[in-house]
Amino acid sequence: MAMKDGNLLAAGVAAGLAAICCAAPVVVAAIGAVGLTAWLAEVGNVLVPALILCVGLIGFGLYRKQRRER
């Protein structure tokens, strides 16, 4: 059963958000354990671009899929 493009986009965005939300606390704990807590102020600046990159890659994949089907 094939997944519709809208469902694929929604699933990809949800997966990207879940990955970022689940990975952030692990990264914070690991860096805090190593003693690099001063670097943690910059971690928040990485999460939004990572989400934008994830959504962009999903969009690119959908574009290539539609182009291949024509």
Protein backbone atom coordinates (compact mmCIF):
# COMPACT_ATOMS: atom_id res chain seq x y z
CA MET A 1 0.00 0.00 0.00
CA ALA A 2 1.55 3.28 -1.12
CA MET A 3 1.68 6.29 1.14
CA LYS A 4 0.19 9.53 -0.20
CA ASP A 5 2.51 12.52 -0.60
CA GLY A 6 0.71 14.52 2.11
CA ASN A 7 1.01 11.65 4.54
CA LEU A 8 4.66 11.21 3.66
CA LEU A 9 5.37 14.89 4.32
CA ALA A 10 3.51 14.84 7.64
CA ALA A 11 5.29 11.68 8.73
CA GLY A 12 8.67 13.13 7.78
CA VAL A 13 8.07 16.37 9.66
CA ALA A 14 6.87 14.46 12.71
CA ALA A 15 9.92 12.19 12.56
CA GLY A 16 12.24 15.18 12.29
CA LEU A 17 10.64 16.90 15.27
CA ALA A 18 10.75 13.72 17.32
CA ALA A 19 14.41 13.14 16.47
CA ILE A 20 15.38 16.68 17.43
CA CYS A 21 13.33 16.66 20.63
CA CYS A 22 14.65 13.28 21.73
CA ALA A 23 18.29 13.92 20.81
CA ALA A 24 18.59 17.34 22.47
CA PRO A 25 18.40 16.12 26.11
CA VAL A 26 20.90 13.34 25.39
CA VAL A 27 23.33 15.83 23.84
CA VAL A 28 22.90 18.23 26.77
CA ALA A 29 23.52 15.48 29.33
CA ALA A 30 26.55 14.11 27.48
CA ILE A 31 28.16 17.52 27.06
CA GLY A 32 27.41 18.41 30.67
CA ALA A 33 29.05 15.19 31.82
CA VAL A 34 32.19 15.98 29.83
CA GLY A 35 32.38 19.51 31.25
CA LEU A 36 31.67 21.54 28.12
CA THR A 37 28.62 23.34 29.50
CA ALA A 38 29.72 26.72 28.11
CA TRP A 39 29.13 25.26 24.64
CA LEU A 40 25.51 24.45 25.52
CA ALA A 41 24.42 28.07 24.93
CA GLU A 42 25.04 27.50 21.22
CA VAL A 43 23.16 24.18 20.98
CA GLY A 44 19.79 25.94 20.84
CA ASN A 45 20.94 27.78 17.73
CA VAL A 46 21.47 24.47 15.96
CA LEU A 47 18.03 22.94 16.50
CA VAL A 48 16.01 25.27 14.25
CA PRO A 49 18.38 24.98 11.24
CA ALA A 50 18.40 21.20 11.73
CA LEU A 51 14.60 21.16 11.56
CA ILE A 52 14.63 23.38 8.45
CA LEU A 53 17.18 21.06 6.81
CA CYS A 54 15.02 18.04 7.63
CA VAL A 55 11.90 19.61 6.11
CA GLY A 56 13.90 20.70 3.05
CA LEU A 57 15.19 17.17 2.49
CA ILE A 58 11.65 15.81 2.74
CA GLY A 59 10.45 18.36 0.20
CA PHE A 60 13.32 17.49 -2.15
CA GLY A 61 12.46 13.80 -1.87
CA LEU A 62 8.81 14.48 -2.68
CA TYR A 63 9.84 16.61 -5.67
CA ARG A 64 12.07 13.85 -7.03
CA LYS A 65 9.34 11.25 -6.48
CA GLN A 66 6.77 13.30 -8.43
CA ARG A 67 9.27 13.99 -11.20
CA ARG A 68 10.11 10.28 -11.52
CA GLU A 69 6.41 9.31 -11.77
CA ARG A 70 5.80 11.57 -14.80
